[in-house]
Protein backbone atom coordinates (compact mmCIF):
# COMPACT_ATOMS: atom_id res chain seq x y z
CA MET A 1 165.54 50.93 96.37
CA ALA A 2 164.19 47.61 96.92
CA ASN A 3 160.46 47.81 95.95
CA VAL A 4 161.76 49.47 92.85
CA LEU A 5 164.02 46.72 91.49
CA THR A 6 163.40 44.04 89.10
CA LEU A 7 164.89 40.54 88.44
CA THR A 8 167.38 41.44 86.05
CA ASP A 9 168.71 44.95 87.13
CA LYS A 10 172.12 45.73 87.63
CA ILE A 11 171.81 48.42 90.05
CA GLU A 12 172.80 48.69 93.40
CA VAL A 13 173.74 51.67 96.22
CA SER A 14 177.13 51.49 97.84
CA GLN A 15 177.67 52.06 101.29
CA ASP A 16 178.39 55.79 100.59
CA GLY A 17 174.89 56.24 99.23
CA ASP A 18 176.08 56.23 95.63
CA LEU A 19 173.91 54.59 92.75
CA ILE A 20 175.89 51.85 90.91
CA PHE A 21 175.07 50.61 87.60
CA ASP A 22 176.81 47.50 86.30
CA GLY A 23 179.58 48.16 88.59
CA TYR A 24 180.19 51.95 87.63
CA LYS A 25 179.17 55.05 89.69
CA ALA A 26 176.96 57.09 88.47
CA GLU A 27 179.36 60.32 89.07
CA ASP A 28 182.19 58.58 87.34
CA LEU A 29 180.28 58.03 84.46
CA LEU A 30 179.42 61.32 83.99
CA SER A 31 182.31 62.53 84.45
CA GLU A 32 184.37 60.19 81.59
CA PHE A 33 181.69 60.54 79.15
CA GLY A 34 179.56 63.84 79.79
CA SER A 35 175.98 64.65 80.64
CA PRO A 36 173.48 63.56 79.76
CA LEU A 37 174.25 59.80 79.38
CA TYR A 38 172.09 56.47 78.14
CA VAL A 39 174.05 54.02 79.72
CA VAL A 40 173.60 50.46 78.60
CA SER A 41 174.10 47.06 80.60
CA GLU A 42 175.13 44.10 78.12
CA GLU A 43 174.34 41.70 80.74
CA THR A 44 170.84 42.78 81.55
CA LEU A 45 170.19 42.70 77.63
CA ARG A 46 171.44 38.81 77.71
CA GLN A 47 169.60 38.06 80.69
CA ASN A 48 166.28 39.32 79.14
CA PHE A 49 166.63 37.70 76.32
CA ARG A 50 167.31 34.20 77.75
CA ARG A 51 164.48 34.88 80.14
CA ILE A 52 161.66 35.22 77.60
CA LYS A 53 163.20 32.79 75.19
CA GLY A 54 163.92 30.08 77.96
CA VAL A 55 160.02 30.39 79.00
CA PHE A 56 158.59 29.64 75.62
CA GLU A 57 161.03 26.89 74.61
CA ARG A 58 159.71 25.62 78.33
CA LEU A 59 155.96 25.76 76.81
CA TRP A 60 156.42 25.35 73.12
CA PRO A 61 156.21 21.68 71.65
CA ASN A 62 158.26 23.09 68.47
CA LYS A 63 160.87 25.50 67.63
CA VAL A 64 160.98 29.02 69.29
CA LEU A 65 162.18 32.03 67.53
CA VAL A 66 162.85 35.87 69.45
CA MET A 67 163.11 38.02 67.18
CA TYR A 68 163.73 41.23 68.43
CA ALA A 69 161.90 44.29 67.45
CA ILE A 70 164.99 47.09 66.41
CA LYS A 71 162.65 49.90 66.80
CA SER A 72 162.54 49.59 70.27
CA ASN A 73 166.28 50.76 70.40
CA ASN A 74 168.21 51.10 67.00
CA ASN A 75 171.73 50.73 68.07
CA PRO A 76 173.74 48.35 66.40
CA ALA A 77 175.84 47.34 69.31
CA ILE A 78 172.27 46.08 70.90
CA ARG A 79 171.79 44.21 68.29
CA ALA A 80 174.72 42.57 68.24
CA VAL A 81 174.24 41.48 72.06
CA ILE A 82 170.78 39.88 70.70
CA HIS A 83 172.48 38.25 67.85
CA GLN A 84 175.22 36.52 69.91
CA GLU A 85 172.45 35.28 71.52
CA GLY A 86 170.77 33.50 68.60
CA GLY A 87 168.14 35.96 68.30
CA GLY A 88 166.22 36.80 65.35
CA GLY A 89 164.45 40.49 64.42
CA ASP A 90 162.17 42.33 63.05
CA CYS A 91 162.79 45.31 61.43
CA PHE A 92 161.09 48.25 59.24
CA GLY A 93 162.25 49.74 56.08
CA LEU A 94 165.84 50.53 54.78
CA GLY A 95 166.78 52.17 57.88
CA GLU A 96 166.36 49.13 60.36
CA LEU A 97 167.26 46.65 57.67
CA HIS A 98 170.77 48.12 57.90
CA SER A 99 170.99 48.27 61.50
CA THR A 100 169.71 44.60 61.80
CA PHE A 101 172.56 43.91 59.46
CA VAL A 102 175.23 45.79 60.93
CA GLY A 103 174.50 44.58 64.28
CA GLY A 104 175.11 41.13 62.63
CA ALA A 105 171.79 38.98 61.60
CA ASP A 106 170.95 35.44 60.09
CA PRO A 107 168.51 36.58 57.10
CA GLU A 108 166.37 33.71 58.02
CA ARG A 109 165.81 34.63 61.20
CA ILE A 110 164.98 38.49 60.12
CA ALA A 111 161.17 39.78 59.13
CA MET A 112 160.58 42.96 57.47
CA ASN A 113 157.53 44.69 58.48
CA GLY A 114 155.58 47.83 57.54
CA SER A 115 152.21 48.55 55.99
CA ASN A 116 153.67 50.69 52.70
CA LYS A 117 156.56 49.12 51.84
CA THR A 118 158.34 50.24 48.96
CA GLU A 119 159.54 48.36 46.23
CA ALA A 120 163.03 49.31 47.16
CA GLU A 121 162.49 48.24 50.58
CA LEU A 122 160.75 44.75 49.24
CA GLY A 123 163.87 44.42 47.06
CA ALA A 124 166.25 44.87 49.71
CA ALA A 125 164.71 42.53 51.78
CA ILE A 126 164.67 39.97 48.99
CA GLN A 127 168.27 40.44 48.18
CA LYS A 128 168.97 39.95 51.70
CA GLY A 129 166.74 36.75 51.95
CA VAL A 130 164.43 37.85 55.26
CA ASN A 131 161.01 37.18 55.52
CA VAL A 132 158.54 39.68 54.44
CA ASN A 133 155.39 39.83 56.69
CA ILE A 134 153.07 41.08 53.94
CA ASP A 135 150.33 43.47 55.05
CA ALA A 136 148.77 44.85 51.38
CA VAL A 137 147.03 43.57 48.59
CA ASP A 138 149.87 45.05 46.39
CA GLU A 139 153.02 43.62 48.02
CA ILE A 140 151.75 40.48 47.07
CA ARG A 141 152.16 41.30 43.05
CA MET A 142 155.09 43.32 43.89
CA LEU A 143 157.03 40.66 45.53
CA ASP A 144 156.16 37.99 42.94
CA ALA A 145 157.66 40.80 40.10
CA ILE A 146 161.01 41.40 42.43
CA CYS A 147 161.57 37.74 42.71
CA ALA A 148 161.27 36.99 38.98
CA ASP A 149 163.53 39.64 38.06
CA LEU A 150 166.17 38.58 40.81
CA GLY A 151 165.55 34.84 40.26
CA LYS A 152 164.62 34.20 43.95
CA VAL A 153 162.49 32.43 46.06
CA GLY A 154 160.32 35.25 48.20
CA SER A 155 159.71 33.80 52.02
CA VAL A 156 156.29 35.51 52.81
CA ALA A 157 153.85 35.36 55.93
CA LEU A 158 150.60 37.37 55.68
CA ARG A 159 149.76 39.53 58.68
CA ILE A 160 146.56 38.83 60.40
CA LYS A 161 144.74 41.56 62.24
CA SER A 162 143.34 40.11 65.85
CA ALA A 163 140.28 42.38 67.33
CA PRO A 164 138.17 39.74 69.21
CA GLU A 165 134.45 41.34 70.33
CA SER A 166 135.62 39.98 74.06
CA LEU A 167 137.69 43.05 74.47
CA ALA A 168 134.87 45.35 73.57
CA GLY A 169 134.18 46.22 77.03
CA SER A 170 137.97 46.18 78.19
CA PRO A 171 140.02 49.23 79.82
CA SER A 172 143.50 49.83 78.60
CA ASP A 173 146.52 51.37 80.90
CA TYR A 174 148.60 52.44 77.84
CA LEU A 175 145.93 53.29 74.86
CA GLY A 176 143.80 55.41 76.94
CA LEU A 177 141.12 53.91 76.57
CA ALA A 178 138.23 53.58 79.32
CA GLY A 179 136.91 50.82 77.27
CA ASP A 180 136.41 49.16 73.50
CA VAL A 181 139.79 48.01 73.05
CA SER A 182 138.23 45.66 70.24
CA LYS A 183 137.53 48.95 68.17
CA PHE A 184 140.48 50.72 68.76
CA LEU A 185 142.72 47.13 67.18
CA LEU A 186 140.05 47.01 64.32
CA ARG A 187 140.84 50.70 63.48
CA GLU A 188 144.39 50.25 63.78
CA LYS A 189 146.05 50.17 60.02
CA TRP A 190 147.98 46.76 60.30
CA GLY A 191 147.02 43.11 59.11
CA PHE A 192 143.77 41.80 57.50
CA SER A 193 140.75 40.67 58.56
CA VAL A 194 139.38 36.77 58.09
CA ASP A 195 137.57 37.34 55.28
CA SER A 196 140.44 39.03 53.51
CA ALA A 197 143.24 36.58 54.72
CA LEU A 198 140.58 33.64 52.80
CA ASP A 199 140.79 35.63 49.73
CA LEU A 200 144.82 36.83 49.75
CA VAL A 201 146.19 33.19 50.73
CA PRO A 202 144.85 31.14 47.50
CA GLN A 203 146.51 34.23 45.37
CA ILE A 204 149.94 33.91 47.56
CA LEU A 205 149.80 30.31 47.22
CA ASN A 206 149.32 30.62 43.39
CA CYS A 207 152.38 33.10 43.01
CA ARG A 208 155.64 30.94 41.70
CA ASN A 209 158.17 33.22 43.31
CA LEU A 210 156.54 33.39 46.62
CA ARG A 211 156.50 30.80 49.48
CA LEU A 212 154.27 31.46 51.98
CA ARG A 213 155.55 30.43 55.59
CA GLY A 214 153.07 31.39 57.96
CA PHE A 215 150.91 33.94 59.40
CA SER A 216 151.87 36.98 61.61
CA LEU A 217 150.16 39.21 64.30
CA HIS A 218 151.22 41.83 66.31
CA THR A 219 149.22 43.35 69.16
CA PRO A 220 150.25 46.36 70.58
CA ARG A 221 151.32 46.67 74.67
CA PHE A 222 148.12 47.79 75.71
CA THR A 223 147.18 45.43 79.40
CA GLN A 224 149.15 44.01 82.17
CA ASN A 225 146.34 41.56 82.37
CA PRO A 226 147.57 38.38 80.46
CA GLU A 227 143.98 36.91 80.14
CA LEU A 228 142.89 39.87 77.49
CA PHE A 229 146.54 39.27 75.56
CA ALA A 230 145.61 36.59 75.01
CA ALA A 231 142.07 36.98 73.70
CA CYS A 232 143.86 38.43 70.20
CA THR A 233 146.09 35.25 70.38
CA ARG A 234 143.11 32.86 70.65
CA ASP A 235 141.63 34.93 67.93
CA PHE A 236 144.26 34.48 65.76
CA ALA A 237 144.82 30.90 66.09
CA GLU A 238 140.88 30.51 65.42
CA THR A 239 141.62 32.72 62.06
CA ILE A 240 144.23 30.05 61.11
CA ILE A 241 142.01 27.26 61.74
CA ARG A 242 139.75 29.40 59.31
CA ILE A 243 141.85 29.76 56.72
CA ARG A 244 143.07 26.27 56.74
CA GLU A 245 139.49 24.92 56.57
CA ALA A 246 138.85 26.85 53.60
CA THR A 247 141.96 26.55 51.69
CA GLY A 248 143.88 23.24 53.25
CA TYR A 249 146.88 25.49 53.94
CA VAL A 250 148.69 24.61 57.07
CA PRO A 251 151.11 27.12 58.23
CA GLU A 252 154.99 26.20 59.02
CA LEU A 253 155.56 29.25 61.41
CA ILE A 254 153.58 31.81 63.21
CA ASP A 255 154.52 35.00 64.31
CA ILE A 256 152.56 36.72 67.71
CA GLY A 257 154.66 39.96 67.52
CA GLY A 258 155.60 41.76 70.38
CA GLY A 259 153.55 44.35 73.03
CA TRP A 260 155.04 42.56 76.07
CA PRO A 261 154.79 44.13 79.32
CA ARG A 262 157.63 45.08 81.58
CA ASP A 263 158.31 44.13 85.10
CA ARG A 264 158.35 48.21 86.04
CA ASP A 265 156.14 49.02 83.01
CA PRO A 266 156.37 52.99 82.30
CA GLU A 267 153.38 52.43 79.71
CA SER A 268 151.30 51.27 82.11
CA ARG A 269 151.66 55.54 83.17
CA MET A 270 151.91 53.82 86.99
CA HIS A 271 155.01 53.35 88.98
CA LYS A 272 154.02 50.11 90.68
CA LEU A 273 155.84 46.77 89.61
CA ASN A 274 153.59 45.24 87.05
CA SER A 275 151.97 42.07 88.76
CA SER A 276 151.93 40.12 85.71
CA SER A 277 155.43 38.45 84.80
CA VAL A 278 156.54 37.37 81.43
CA GLU A 279 156.11 34.28 82.57
CA ASN A 280 152.36 34.84 83.32
CA PHE A 281 151.77 36.52 79.71
CA ALA A 282 153.62 33.12 78.50
CA GLU A 283 151.44 31.29 80.14
CA ALA A 284 148.30 32.41 78.94
CA VAL A 285 149.31 33.02 75.56
CA VAL A 286 150.57 29.66 74.83
CA ALA A 287 147.50 28.33 76.31
CA SER A 288 145.28 29.95 74.33
CA LEU A 289 147.03 28.71 71.08
CA LEU A 290 147.67 24.99 71.82
CA ASP A 291 144.05 24.72 73.11
CA THR A 292 142.41 26.21 69.60
CA PHE A 293 145.15 24.07 67.50
CA LYS A 294 144.90 20.79 69.13
CA SER A 295 141.21 21.02 69.43
CA HIS A 296 141.11 21.18 65.75
CA ARG A 297 143.94 18.60 65.42
CA MET A 298 146.45 21.64 64.04
CA PRO A 299 149.93 20.67 63.52
CA ILE A 300 151.98 22.99 65.86
CA PRO A 301 154.02 25.03 63.97
CA GLU A 302 157.03 26.92 64.99
CA LEU A 303 156.47 30.04 67.06
CA ARG A 304 158.15 33.44 66.57
CA MET A 305 157.92 36.51 68.74
CA GLU A 306 159.00 40.12 68.52
CA PRO A 307 159.59 41.40 71.80
CA GLY A 308 161.27 44.86 72.05
CA ARG A 309 161.02 46.87 75.37
CA PHE A 310 160.77 43.69 77.48
CA ILE A 311 164.68 42.99 76.04
CA VAL A 312 165.88 46.57 76.47
CA GLY A 313 163.77 48.15 78.53
CA ASN A 314 165.51 48.07 81.91
CA ALA A 315 169.15 47.67 80.02
CA VAL A 316 169.63 50.90 79.73
CA THR A 317 169.59 54.12 82.41
CA LEU A 318 169.28 57.77 81.35
CA LEU A 319 172.05 60.00 83.37
CA GLY A 320 172.00 63.65 84.12
CA ARG A 321 172.73 66.56 86.31
CA VAL A 322 170.61 68.64 88.34
CA GLY A 323 170.46 72.46 87.09
CA GLN A 324 168.61 74.93 88.75
CA ILE A 325 166.33 74.57 91.49
CA LYS A 326 163.12 77.15 91.57
CA ARG A 327 160.96 77.14 94.90
CA ASP A 328 157.85 79.48 94.01
CA CYS A 329 154.48 79.45 94.61
CA GLY A 330 154.61 76.98 97.24
CA LEU A 331 155.75 74.28 94.38
CA VAL A 332 159.67 73.18 93.78
CA TRP A 333 160.84 72.98 90.09
CA VAL A 334 164.13 70.96 89.76
CA ASN A 335 165.55 71.14 86.20
CA VAL A 336 167.98 68.29 84.93
CA ASP A 337 169.49 68.61 81.80
CA PHE A 338 167.83 65.96 79.94
CA SER A 339 163.80 66.08 78.68
CA THR A 340 161.73 64.45 77.39
CA ASN A 341 163.28 64.89 73.95
CA ASN A 342 165.26 62.14 75.16
CA LEU A 343 161.57 60.56 76.91
CA PRO A 344 158.94 60.97 74.48
CA ARG A 345 156.71 58.77 75.54
CA ILE A 346 156.23 61.25 78.58
CA ASP A 347 154.68 63.58 76.37
CA THR A 348 153.17 60.93 73.71
CA SER A 349 151.62 58.68 76.20
CA GLY A 350 152.36 59.59 79.34
CA SER A 351 154.77 56.96 80.60
CA ALA A 352 155.73 57.00 84.18
CA TYR A 353 159.44 56.59 84.73
CA HIS A 354 161.20 56.18 88.06
CA PHE A 355 163.42 59.15 88.81
CA LEU A 356 166.51 58.77 91.62
CA PRO A 357 168.78 60.60 92.90
CA ALA A 358 172.35 59.36 91.97
CA THR A 359 174.18 60.09 95.38
CA GLY A 360 173.55 60.57 98.56
CA MET A 361 170.66 58.14 98.51
CA ASP A 362 170.84 57.91 102.06
CA ARG A 363 169.20 61.41 102.76
CA PRO A 364 166.18 62.23 104.03
CA TYR A 365 163.61 62.70 101.23
CA THR A 366 162.25 66.02 102.53
CA GLU A 367 160.44 67.64 99.60
CA LEU A 368 158.12 66.84 96.73
CA ALA A 369 159.29 68.39 93.67
CA GLN A 370 158.42 68.43 89.76
CA ILE A 371 161.21 67.12 87.53
CA VAL A 372 161.52 68.91 84.26
CA GLY A 373 163.60 69.43 81.18
CA SER A 374 164.75 72.84 80.30
CA THR A 375 163.04 72.70 76.62
CA CYS A 376 160.39 75.27 76.21
CA ILE A 377 157.22 73.04 76.93
CA ASP A 378 156.77 71.70 79.96
CA SER A 379 158.82 68.38 80.07
CA ARG A 380 157.89 66.96 83.09
CA MET A 381 159.30 63.90 83.81
CA ALA A 382 157.69 63.15 87.79
CA ASP A 383 155.11 65.53 89.18
CA ASN A 384 155.38 65.72 93.06
CA TRP A 385 158.11 63.45 93.25
CA ALA A 386 159.93 63.11 96.80
CA VAL A 387 163.40 63.95 96.73
CA PRO A 388 165.69 64.85 99.49
CA ALA A 389 167.31 68.11 99.58
CA LEU A 390 168.98 68.18 95.41
CA ARG A 391 172.07 70.17 94.42
CA ALA A 392 172.61 71.59 90.96
CA GLY A 393 175.21 69.45 89.86
CA GLU A 394 174.68 66.24 91.32
CA PRO A 395 173.86 63.07 89.15
CA VAL A 396 170.41 62.06 88.93
CA ALA A 397 169.04 58.76 87.26
CA ILE A 398 166.03 57.78 84.99
CA LEU A 399 165.16 54.05 84.81
CA ASP A 400 163.87 51.88 81.50
CA ALA A 401 165.20 54.23 79.24
CA GLY A 402 165.96 51.57 77.10
CA MET A 403 162.79 51.36 74.87
CA TYR A 404 161.24 53.98 72.46
CA ALA A 405 163.64 56.59 74.24
CA ASP A 406 167.04 57.29 72.17
CA SER A 407 165.59 55.47 68.84
CA ALA A 408 161.98 57.94 69.19
CA SER A 409 164.03 60.86 70.24
CA THR A 410 163.80 64.59 69.13
CA GLN A 411 166.02 67.77 68.64
CA PHE A 412 163.66 70.11 69.56
CA ASN A 413 164.73 73.55 70.70
CA SER A 414 167.81 72.44 68.54
CA VAL A 415 169.41 70.49 71.87
CA PRO A 416 172.17 67.93 70.54
CA ARG A 417 171.36 64.15 71.90
CA PRO A 418 173.43 62.33 74.45
CA ALA A 419 176.14 60.00 73.90
CA THR A 420 175.35 56.27 74.50
CA VAL A 421 177.73 53.72 76.23
CA MET A 422 177.51 50.04 76.89
CA ILE A 423 179.31 48.46 80.30
CA SER A 424 180.18 44.61 79.08
CA GLY A 425 182.15 42.89 81.68
CA GLY A 426 183.99 45.25 83.61
CA ASP A 427 184.58 47.67 80.32
CA VAL A 428 182.55 50.42 79.07
CA HIS A 429 182.58 51.54 75.55
CA ILE A 430 181.32 54.45 73.50
CA ILE A 431 178.33 52.86 71.15
CA LYS A 432 176.92 56.23 70.18
CA ARG A 433 178.83 59.42 70.11
CA ARG A 434 177.51 62.98 71.18
CA GLU A 435 175.79 64.59 68.63
CA SER A 436 177.22 68.51 68.39
CA VAL A 437 175.34 71.58 67.32
CA ASP A 438 176.98 71.02 63.73
CA ASP A 439 175.67 67.54 64.00
CA LEU A 440 172.06 69.80 64.01
CA TYR A 441 172.58 71.58 60.89
CA ARG A 442 174.88 69.30 58.94
CA ASN A 443 171.97 68.48 56.08
CA THR A 444 170.60 71.92 55.86
CA SER A 445 171.80 74.67 53.46
CA VAL A 446 170.41 78.66 52.74
CA PRO A 447 170.39 79.89 49.59
CA GLN A 448 173.07 82.12 48.26
CA HIS A 449 170.73 85.46 47.82
CA LEU A 450 169.21 85.05 51.29
CA LEU A 451 172.89 84.77 53.26
CA PRO A 452 173.53 87.88 55.36
CA ARG A 453 175.94 90.48 53.53
């Protein structure tokens, strides 16, 4: 276990060989709350938030705001922990706006993103008083009109595209690219080029009902190399300098988005730990921004960012039970009662998770197995994975199930989704009830003439 655990994990092995999550045995949690089960550690959430906030506050000479990317895990209880810690938030659409405020939020610390925002979404954002990151030309007109109707001044930022040519020969462990990350980033739908931004900034400044606060950037998680990541923020800073030189506009804040890799990093498609820490990433990114701004005598703005996976990734573990075990063709298949329905990034991007037996961990690891879900697709969660002699019914675990797992999960094969519990200071709270088969079909109906007679 020592070569698997990271700084903020609340995981240990008992003297009896049982896996303990924040003080609770996996078997006890499954016996009480059912299987499969997402288990959240409130303490890990808090420590992850404090870690990323602390490193940027040490390095940045102005205010820092960490805005939790709720798309990574949209449970309002998780959002509530972030709000208690003083965090802001990034949200998309009416659903995530709702979840953000159910969990608690200061509107000044919230940003709405999205490339195709509707009038209803923009109206709700203005009514709430959140910042809107403009990502379409028509949004400017729509926002100005909405604010005029509501008698409000809308707080906005302009989303910038960064696709530095220096990344043209760079590979990506997540995007599946052998090279030319630059071309990939250019083709992404988000953000405006520097030429478009030069046209749009004066337009926004001329809108009586809009207040341009600054600029936003989002670089997807594409590398474990901090210098490659910093190439995007350096390009972002250079774009801001060009805008100031052309328009005279100086931003009061910049939002550098998310994409921050974790220490144990499933999206790298590897099981080994990331050799670069968030501290390494922060140092490279801050240096790229400050060096550029200071060399052009640009006032240092407030710094905002939108981490999701870094905060919630290892704060959630997916527990389940072993089902049928098949041995044939010289292979071993271990079925479990969860699947890639619950960890969809295995199927969509090849994420590599750590699978662990949750009892008898001191047994010898005697065979290589395929760990599979029982749905009607391959649903392979680990390939040729060393395991002890597992038995049907025993508890097992998948680490790092906090990010893009439950929030991106499906009900393929009409399988109800698991419950979620949160361990908080020794207490366990149900924060999402288990779905039933009735829940799957609650919103469907069969026309009268098709009903069986």
